[in-house]
Protein backbone atom coordinates (compact mmCIF):
# COMPACT_ATOMS: atom_id res chain seq x y z
CA UNK A 1 115.27 -19.69 63.96
CA UNK A 2 114.23 -22.10 66.49
CA UNK A 3 111.25 -24.37 67.38
CA UNK A 4 109.79 -26.95 69.83
CA UNK A 5 107.60 -29.59 68.49
CA UNK A 6 105.07 -31.76 70.96
CA UNK A 7 101.73 -33.18 70.12
CA UNK A 8 101.89 -33.22 66.52
CA UNK A 9 102.45 -29.09 66.81
CA UNK A 10 105.42 -26.89 65.82
CA UNK A 11 106.13 -23.54 67.01
CA UNK A 12 108.65 -21.46 64.70
CA UNK A 13 110.21 -17.88 65.04
CA UNK A 14 113.41 -16.00 64.00
CA UNK A 15 115.90 -13.74 65.75
CA UNK A 16 115.71 -10.15 64.97
CA UNK A 17 118.58 -7.40 64.65
CA UNK A 18 117.21 -3.83 64.36
CA UNK A 19 119.08 -0.72 64.39
CA UNK A 20 118.27 1.69 67.23
CA UNK A 21 115.18 3.84 66.27
CA UNK A 22 113.82 1.46 63.75
CA UNK A 23 110.87 -1.08 63.79
CA UNK A 24 111.42 -4.67 65.10
CA UNK A 25 108.72 -7.46 63.69
CA UNK A 26 108.29 -10.48 65.83
CA UNK A 27 106.48 -13.45 64.48
CA UNK A 28 105.37 -16.56 66.05
CA UNK A 29 104.00 -19.35 63.72
CA UNK A 30 102.39 -22.60 64.31
CA UNK A 31 102.32 -25.56 61.98
CA UNK A 32 99.59 -28.20 61.86
CA UNK A 33 97.48 -25.76 63.89
CA UNK A 34 94.76 -27.33 66.25
CA UNK A 35 93.17 -23.88 66.93
CA UNK A 36 95.44 -23.63 69.95
CA UNK A 37 95.93 -20.12 71.62
CA UNK A 38 99.27 -18.52 70.89
CA UNK A 39 100.63 -15.34 73.20
CA UNK A 40 103.77 -13.23 72.99
CA UNK A 41 105.68 -12.27 76.26
CA UNK A 42 108.48 -9.71 76.76
CA UNK A 43 111.72 -10.51 78.40
CA UNK A 44 110.15 -9.82 81.79
CA UNK A 45 107.55 -12.48 81.18
CA UNK A 46 104.80 -10.01 80.85
CA UNK A 47 102.25 -10.72 78.18
CA UNK A 48 102.37 -8.17 74.98
CA UNK A 49 99.62 -10.24 73.21
CA UNK A 50 97.25 -12.88 73.90
CA UNK A 51 95.82 -13.87 70.69
CA UNK A 52 95.09 -10.50 69.22
CA UNK A 53 94.35 -8.76 72.68
CA UNK A 54 97.26 -6.59 73.98
CA UNK A 55 96.93 -6.53 77.85
CA UNK A 56 100.50 -4.58 78.18
CA UNK A 57 99.85 -0.93 78.03
CA UNK A 58 102.78 -0.03 75.55
CA UNK A 59 101.39 1.24 72.24
CA UNK A 60 104.82 0.90 70.59
CA UNK A 61 103.66 -2.83 70.38
CA UNK A 62 101.07 -3.28 67.40
CA UNK A 63 99.40 -6.09 65.88
CA UNK A 64 100.44 -6.85 62.24
CA UNK A 65 98.76 -10.33 61.45
CA UNK A 66 96.68 -12.71 63.87
CA UNK A 67 95.45 -16.33 62.71
CA UNK A 68 95.27 -19.54 63.93
CA UNK A 69 98.71 -20.24 62.82
CA UNK A 70 100.48 -16.93 63.32
CA UNK A 71 100.79 -14.10 65.59
CA UNK A 72 102.91 -10.85 64.16
CA UNK A 73 103.72 -7.99 66.16
CA UNK A 74 105.79 -4.88 65.62
CA UNK A 75 107.69 -2.80 67.83
CA UNK A 76 108.29 0.69 66.89
CA UNK A 77 111.21 3.17 67.77
CA UNK A 78 113.05 0.39 69.36
CA UNK A 79 115.80 1.27 72.19
CA UNK A 80 118.55 -0.61 73.91
CA UNK A 81 116.52 -1.04 76.83
CA UNK A 82 114.06 -3.49 74.46
CA UNK A 83 116.95 -5.82 73.45
CA UNK A 84 116.51 -9.24 74.93
CA UNK A 85 114.38 -12.48 74.61
CA UNK A 86 110.78 -12.46 73.73
CA UNK A 87 108.85 -15.74 74.08
CA UNK A 88 106.19 -17.29 71.69
CA UNK A 89 103.72 -19.54 73.64
CA UNK A 90 100.99 -22.33 72.54
CA UNK A 91 98.75 -23.58 74.75
CA UNK A 92 98.69 -27.28 73.89
CA UNK A 93 98.89 -30.24 76.40
CA UNK A 94 101.59 -29.79 77.22
CA UNK A 95 102.17 -26.15 76.41
CA UNK A 96 104.96 -25.16 73.99
CA UNK A 97 107.49 -22.52 73.89
CA UNK A 98 110.00 -21.01 72.13
CA UNK A 99 112.11 -17.66 72.42
CA UNK A 100 113.41 -15.02 69.59
CA UNK A 101 116.29 -12.68 70.51
CA UNK A 102 116.05 -8.78 69.47
CA UNK A 103 119.48 -7.54 69.12
CA UNK A 104 119.94 -3.63 69.04
CA UNK A 105 122.72 -1.99 66.89
CA UNK A 106 123.64 1.50 67.98
CA UNK A 107 125.87 3.59 65.33
CA UNK A 108 128.50 5.83 66.18
CA UNK A 109 126.69 9.22 67.74
CA UNK A 110 129.89 11.27 66.60
CA UNK A 111 132.71 10.84 64.47
CA UNK A 112 135.93 13.56 65.15
CA UNK A 113 139.05 13.87 63.45
CA UNK A 114 141.57 15.63 65.54
CA UNK A 115 145.02 16.90 64.07
CA UNK A 116 147.85 17.34 66.44
CA UNK A 117 149.26 20.50 64.23
CA UNK A 118 146.90 22.04 61.70
CA UNK A 119 149.93 23.42 59.50
CA UNK A 120 152.82 21.26 59.27
CA UNK A 121 155.91 21.68 57.71
CA UNK A 122 157.33 19.03 55.13
CA UNK A 123 159.21 15.98 56.55
CA UNK A 124 157.43 16.63 59.96
CA UNK A 125 155.44 13.49 61.58
CA UNK A 126 152.22 14.35 62.56
CA UNK A 127 149.57 12.66 64.63
CA UNK A 128 146.05 12.34 63.91
CA UNK A 129 142.93 10.70 66.00
CA UNK A 130 139.57 9.82 65.01
CA UNK A 131 137.11 8.94 67.65
CA UNK A 132 133.75 7.14 67.02
CA UNK A 133 131.44 7.78 70.31
CA UNK A 134 128.71 5.49 71.77
CA UNK A 135 128.56 2.47 69.39
CA UNK A 136 127.14 -0.86 69.80
CA UNK A 137 129.12 -3.39 69.24
CA UNK A 138 132.41 -1.46 68.82
CA UNK A 139 133.39 0.15 65.52
CA UNK A 140 136.03 -0.56 63.20
CA UNK A 141 137.89 2.66 62.07
CA UNK A 142 139.73 2.93 58.74
CA UNK A 143 142.20 5.33 57.50
CA UNK A 144 142.68 6.28 54.11
CA UNK A 145 145.30 9.33 52.56
CA UNK A 146 143.57 9.89 49.33
CA UNK A 147 142.71 6.68 47.86
CA UNK A 148 145.46 4.80 49.91
CA UNK A 149 144.69 3.07 52.94
CA UNK A 150 146.88 3.66 56.03
CA UNK A 151 147.24 1.63 59.24
CA UNK A 152 146.22 3.13 62.22
CA UNK A 153 146.20 1.89 66.17
CA UNK A 154 143.06 1.77 67.97
CA UNK A 155 141.95 1.66 71.50
CA UNK A 156 138.50 0.68 72.76
CA UNK A 157 136.57 2.10 75.99
CA UNK A 158 133.23 0.64 77.23
CA UNK A 159 130.62 2.64 78.65
CA UNK A 160 127.80 0.73 80.20
CA UNK A 161 126.18 -1.05 77.10
CA UNK A 162 128.19 1.36 74.53
CA UNK A 163 131.57 1.62 73.16
CA UNK A 164 133.85 4.24 72.27
CA UNK A 165 136.99 3.75 69.96
CA UNK A 166 139.78 5.88 69.23
CA UNK A 167 142.16 5.32 66.43
CA UNK A 168 145.53 6.96 65.97
CA UNK A 169 147.49 7.72 62.81
CA UNK A 170 151.04 8.87 62.76
CA UNK A 171 151.87 10.18 59.24
CA UNK A 172 155.18 12.01 57.78
CA UNK A 173 154.12 14.60 55.38
CA UNK A 174 155.78 15.72 52.16
CA UNK A 175 155.06 18.74 49.77
CA UNK A 176 152.61 16.20 47.45
CA UNK A 177 150.57 15.78 50.58
CA UNK A 178 149.48 19.55 50.68
CA UNK A 179 145.64 19.84 50.15
CA UNK A 180 145.33 15.89 50.23
CA UNK A 181 142.44 14.84 52.20
CA UNK A 182 142.85 12.39 55.22
CA UNK A 183 139.53 10.32 55.75
CA UNK A 184 138.39 8.37 58.90
CA UNK A 185 135.77 5.55 57.67
CA UNK A 186 133.78 3.68 60.11
CA UNK A 187 132.96 0.11 59.66
CA UNK A 188 129.69 -0.82 61.57
CA UNK A 189 126.85 -2.85 60.94
CA UNK A 190 124.32 -0.43 61.76
CA UNK A 191 125.58 2.18 59.45
CA UNK A 192 126.94 2.55 55.79
CA UNK A 193 129.59 5.15 54.57
CA UNK A 194 129.80 6.61 57.51
CA UNK A 195 133.09 8.70 57.30
CA UNK A 196 134.72 12.17 58.07
CA UNK A 197 137.97 14.21 56.67
CA UNK A 198 140.40 16.67 57.08
CA UNK A 199 142.55 18.13 54.45
CA UNK A 200 146.15 18.22 55.10
CA UNK A 201 148.28 21.67 54.98
CA UNK A 202 151.82 21.15 54.51
CA UNK A 203 154.35 24.12 54.24
CA UNK A 204 157.27 23.56 52.32
CA UNK A 205 160.55 25.48 50.81
CA UNK A 206 160.59 26.67 47.18
CA UNK A 207 161.32 24.76 44.22
CA UNK A 208 163.07 26.34 41.77
CA UNK A 209 163.13 25.61 37.93
CA UNK A 210 165.53 27.80 35.42
CA UNK A 211 164.54 27.52 31.65
CA UNK A 212 166.23 28.94 28.69
CA UNK A 213 163.99 31.07 26.77
CA UNK A 214 166.40 31.91 24.05
CA UNK A 215 168.08 30.33 22.00
CA UNK A 216 165.59 27.90 22.46
CA UNK A 217 167.82 25.20 20.76
CA UNK A 218 171.40 25.11 19.82
CA UNK A 219 174.79 26.33 21.02
CA UNK A 220 175.16 29.77 22.90
CA UNK A 221 177.53 31.70 20.56
CA UNK A 222 179.51 35.15 20.71
CA UNK A 223 177.61 37.82 19.64
CA UNK A 224 174.26 36.39 20.26
CA UNK A 225 171.76 36.96 23.02
CA UNK A 226 170.75 34.72 26.02
CA UNK A 227 167.53 34.76 27.92
CA UNK A 228 166.89 32.60 31.11
CA UNK A 229 164.00 32.39 33.07
CA UNK A 230 163.34 31.15 36.48
CA UNK A 231 160.07 29.66 37.78
CA UNK A 232 159.74 29.33 41.67
CA UNK A 233 156.88 27.42 43.72
CA UNK A 234 156.59 26.90 47.26
CA UNK A 235 154.50 27.21 50.36
CA UNK A 236 154.15 29.85 51.72
CA UNK A 237 154.76 31.54 48.25
CA UNK A 238 158.49 32.78 48.26
CA UNK A 239 158.93 36.76 48.38
CA UNK A 240 162.64 36.71 48.04
CA UNK A 241 164.18 35.42 44.69
CA UNK A 242 167.40 36.75 43.30
CA UNK A 243 170.10 35.93 40.29
CA UNK A 244 173.49 35.51 41.15
CA UNK A 245 176.77 34.63 39.40
CA UNK A 246 178.48 31.86 41.27
CA UNK A 247 182.21 32.13 42.26
CA UNK A 248 182.18 35.90 40.32
CA UNK A 249 180.53 38.98 39.98
CA UNK A 250 177.47 39.54 37.65
CA UNK A 251 178.52 41.24 34.62
CA UNK A 252 177.68 44.75 34.03
CA UNK A 253 175.67 44.22 30.85
CA UNK A 254 173.35 41.78 32.46
CA UNK A 255 170.04 42.99 32.59
CA UNK A 256 167.55 41.49 35.38
CA UNK A 257 163.93 41.80 34.78
CA UNK A 258 161.88 39.96 37.49
CA UNK A 259 162.52 36.50 37.06
CA UNK A 260 164.38 36.86 33.75
CA UNK A 261 168.01 37.32 33.13
CA UNK A 262 169.03 38.89 29.77
CA UNK A 263 172.62 39.18 27.93
CA UNK A 264 172.04 40.72 24.59
CA UNK A 265 175.70 40.35 23.28
CA UNK A 266 177.52 37.43 24.63
CA UNK A 267 181.10 36.98 25.05
CA UNK A 268 183.84 34.96 26.38
CA UNK A 269 183.89 36.81 29.58
CA UNK A 270 180.28 35.79 30.49
CA UNK A 271 181.47 31.99 30.90
CA UNK A 272 180.59 30.80 34.38
CA UNK A 273 177.52 29.29 36.44
CA UNK A 274 174.52 31.61 37.00
CA UNK A 275 171.94 30.74 40.04
CA UNK A 276 168.39 31.57 40.74
CA UNK A 277 167.67 31.42 44.54
CA UNK A 278 164.56 31.68 46.53
CA UNK A 279 163.57 31.57 49.96
CA UNK A 280 160.44 31.62 52.04
CA UNK A 281 159.86 31.02 56.02
CA UNK A 282 160.75 27.32 55.55
CA UNK A 283 164.05 27.30 53.85
CA UNK A 284 166.08 28.31 50.57
CA UNK A 285 166.57 26.49 47.32
CA UNK A 286 168.32 27.21 44.02
CA UNK A 287 168.85 25.88 40.76
CA UNK A 288 171.98 26.69 38.45
CA UNK A 289 172.72 27.00 34.86
CA UNK A 290 176.21 26.57 33.40
CA UNK A 291 176.87 29.23 30.42
CA UNK A 292 179.61 27.91 28.00
CA UNK A 293 179.96 30.93 25.04
CA UNK A 294 180.71 29.17 21.83
CA UNK A 295 182.82 31.05 18.88
CA UNK A 296 180.65 33.01 16.12
CA UNK A 297 180.28 30.99 12.97
CA UNK A 298 182.73 31.72 10.02
CA UNK A 299 182.67 31.48 6.42
CA UNK A 300 185.92 29.47 4.89
CA UNK A 301 187.52 30.12 1.49
CA UNK A 302 185.94 28.20 -1.29
CA UNK A 303 187.29 24.70 -1.32
CA UNK A 304 188.65 25.06 -4.86
CA UNK A 305 191.08 27.88 -4.29
CA UNK A 306 192.58 26.01 -1.54
CA UNK A 307 192.86 23.02 -3.44
CA UNK A 308 194.72 24.56 -6.62
CA UNK A 309 197.08 26.39 -4.26
CA UNK A 310 198.46 23.33 -2.59
CA UNK A 311 198.66 21.47 -5.95
CA UNK A 312 200.39 23.97 -8.06
CA UNK A 313 203.20 25.31 -5.75
CA UNK A 314 204.53 21.75 -5.07
CA UNK A 315 205.76 20.34 -8.54
CA UNK A 316 206.90 24.19 -9.69
CA UNK A 317 209.37 24.00 -6.67
CA UNK A 318 210.67 20.75 -7.38
CA UNK A 319 211.19 21.51 -10.89
CA UNK A 320 213.43 24.52 -10.03
CA UNK A 321 215.70 22.71 -7.90
CA UNK A 322 217.20 20.67 -10.71
CA UNK A 323 218.83 23.96 -12.49
CA UNK A 324 219.69 26.00 -9.28
CA UNK A 325 219.23 26.53 -5.82
CA UNK A 326 218.25 30.01 -5.66
CA UNK A 327 214.55 29.47 -7.22
CA UNK A 328 214.53 26.34 -4.96
CA UNK A 329 214.72 29.10 -1.87
CA UNK A 330 212.26 31.66 -3.45
CA UNK A 331 209.86 28.74 -4.04
CA UNK A 332 210.14 27.48 -0.03
CA UNK A 333 209.62 30.90 1.19
CA UNK A 334 205.85 30.81 -0.40
CA UNK A 335 204.92 27.39 0.95
CA UNK A 336 204.80 28.38 4.54
CA UNK A 337 202.53 31.60 3.70
CA UNK A 338 200.27 29.12 1.95
CA UNK A 339 200.42 26.56 4.94
CA UNK A 340 199.90 29.59 7.10
CA UNK A 341 196.73 30.53 5.63
CA UNK A 342 195.29 26.88 5.48
CA UNK A 343 196.27 26.80 9.25
CA UNK A 344 194.53 29.88 10.17
CA UNK A 345 191.47 28.69 7.91
CA UNK A 346 191.50 25.44 9.96
CA UNK A 347 191.30 27.25 13.37
CA UNK A 348 188.43 29.43 12.31
CA UNK A 349 186.41 26.46 11.03
CA UNK A 350 187.36 24.62 14.29
CA UNK A 351 185.74 27.68 16.18
CA UNK A 352 182.50 27.37 13.87
CA UNK A 353 182.15 23.78 14.48
CA UNK A 354 181.75 22.41 11.08
CA UNK A 355 183.20 19.13 10.69
CA UNK A 356 183.29 18.76 6.88
CA UNK A 357 185.16 21.63 6.41
CA UNK A 358 187.81 20.98 9.01
CA UNK A 359 188.62 17.66 7.40
CA UNK A 360 188.93 19.46 3.96
CA UNK A 361 191.52 21.91 5.53
CA UNK A 362 193.41 19.10 7.59
CA UNK A 363 194.30 17.37 4.45
CA UNK A 364 195.29 20.48 2.64
CA UNK A 365 197.85 21.40 5.64
CA UNK A 366 199.20 17.87 5.72
CA UNK A 367 199.82 17.59 1.90
CA UNK A 368 201.81 21.42 2.16
CA UNK A 369 203.93 20.35 5.34
CA UNK A 370 204.61 16.90 3.46
CA UNK A 371 205.59 18.86 0.18
CA UNK A 372 207.84 21.31 2.49
CA UNK A 373 209.44 18.28 3.96
CA UNK A 374 210.26 16.62 0.54
CA UNK A 375 211.47 19.67 -0.97
CA UNK A 376 213.80 20.44 1.90
CA UNK A 377 215.03 16.96 1.60
CA UNK A 378 215.80 17.05 -2.02
CA UNK A 379 217.38 20.32 -1.59
CA UNK A 380 219.94 18.76 0.92
CA UNK A 381 220.53 15.61 -1.23
CA UNK A 382 221.31 17.95 -4.25
CA UNK A 383 223.61 20.29 -2.41
CA UNK A 384 225.50 17.26 -0.69
CA UNK A 385 225.73 15.31 -4.11
CA UNK A 386 227.81 18.22 -5.53
CA UNK A 387 229.54 18.77 -2.71
CA UNK A 388 230.92 15.16 -2.70
CA UNK A 389 231.26 15.21 -6.43
CA UNK A 390 233.99 18.55 -6.33
CA UNK A 391 235.87 16.52 -3.35
CA UNK A 392 236.12 13.27 -5.32
CA UNK A 393 237.82 15.23 -8.31
CA UNK A 394 240.40 16.52 -5.86
CA UNK A 395 241.67 13.36 -4.92
CA UNK A 396 242.24 11.79 -8.01
CA UNK A 397 243.82 15.02 -9.16
CA UNK A 398 246.49 14.70 -6.37
CA UNK A 399 246.98 11.20 -6.80
CA UNK A 400 248.25 11.69 -10.68
CA UNK A 401 250.30 14.58 -9.69
CA UNK A 402 253.82 14.46 -11.43
CA UNK A 403 252.50 11.93 -13.94
CA UNK A 404 252.29 14.47 -16.72
CA UNK A 405 255.79 14.43 -17.96
CA UNK A 406 256.69 10.91 -17.53
CA UNK A 407 257.79 8.84 -20.57
CA UNK A 408 256.06 5.69 -19.20
CA UNK A 409 253.75 4.26 -16.62
CA UNK A 410 256.39 3.29 -14.64
CA UNK A 411 258.01 6.83 -14.47
CA UNK A 412 254.83 8.16 -13.66
CA UNK A 413 254.20 5.98 -10.71
CA UNK A 414 257.81 6.54 -9.61
CA UNK A 415 257.17 10.61 -9.72
CA UNK A 416 253.79 10.71 -8.32
CA UNK A 417 253.58 12.10 -4.66
CA UNK A 418 255.09 10.39 -1.97
CA UNK A 419 258.81 11.27 -2.79
CA UNK A 420 262.19 9.61 -3.71
CA UNK A 421 261.88 7.23 -0.98
CA UNK A 422 258.70 5.92 -2.00
CA UNK A 423 260.09 5.28 -5.69
CA UNK A 424 263.30 3.89 -4.00
CA UNK A 425 261.37 1.50 -2.10
CA UNK A 426 259.06 0.62 -5.33
CA UNK A 427 262.28 -0.09 -7.45
CA UNK A 428 263.90 -2.38 -5.08
CA UNK A 429 260.48 -4.21 -4.56
CA UNK A 430 260.37 -4.64 -8.73
CA UNK A 431 263.78 -5.98 -8.80
């Protein structure tokens, strides 16, 4: 807003900003009016209105209000050529004059997105260009992928009083970008929410997922069935999907039905890695399932039977060894059979994976082995004792040989084994 004062008069007006095609209103106001004449002139100094009279033959100018204190005029269908300074004059002594500026805004006439490749492949970098043509002033272009703002590079070209802006965006696309809109948005004072968008189309190689339908939970055991399912996604949709066994041939009893793999009766030969493989024009993908077949569950003998056998066999064997070695040998032949049964039970139980039963059978086997070792040691000690006892008696018998017919102790010593030489030497010694 500006004003010029003189002779106690004040002339006031404001600048006007208008969008092309809209209406601009010019107001010349007087404070402390003394009924002086007010007139409005265009940028070429041609009189638009003198008081309430319009000498200019342009019907787009219309009188809105006239009084001693104001002259208000409207200009319809404003164009860029209407832009410039308009003068308000007040005929006083001396005359007063003030100007107002009309600024015309021109929104972009066209907003276009151009994509380098209509269909991109995952991992490629594509180029997008957005052009805003013939705007005034130059527009600002912003990029969005979905709700995320991206940074582009803009260039501005001026044609006469108009500006054309082109913004370039380099974008590396992935499978998650397929179907996502890329938006070109204009930031300009003459327009709001002006934007255009293009949807990305991205091709990508298959995405493979292997899931176990049966058993849903738990171990895959021998004799039980197994069913695997393969889910495949891709763009374009994969047409080539197959099951194979890695590093081995597919078992003959495996049934393949569409995307499913079925083994009705598992056995240990089925162990291995099974692969679901799919491909399209972009590439090939796969996912593996590693199969390990566990032993079937088994039923162990009642715990009381195992405990009784182990407890009663050991004391019976020890009692028999005090009398003779033959019952001891018979008892010894029974213990390994019991230990063998317990060990078989332990192996079966380990295949079932029942930890509580394994501990019970392990204790029984250890107890049986210890009993056998103790029994064997006792038998060995008894045999050695009897052997040493017999040989000790023989030694004393030979030492006293010849003493049975002796009249006294001296004679017995002389007649003992060792011969007459010894007796003579002993006689001389005693003398």
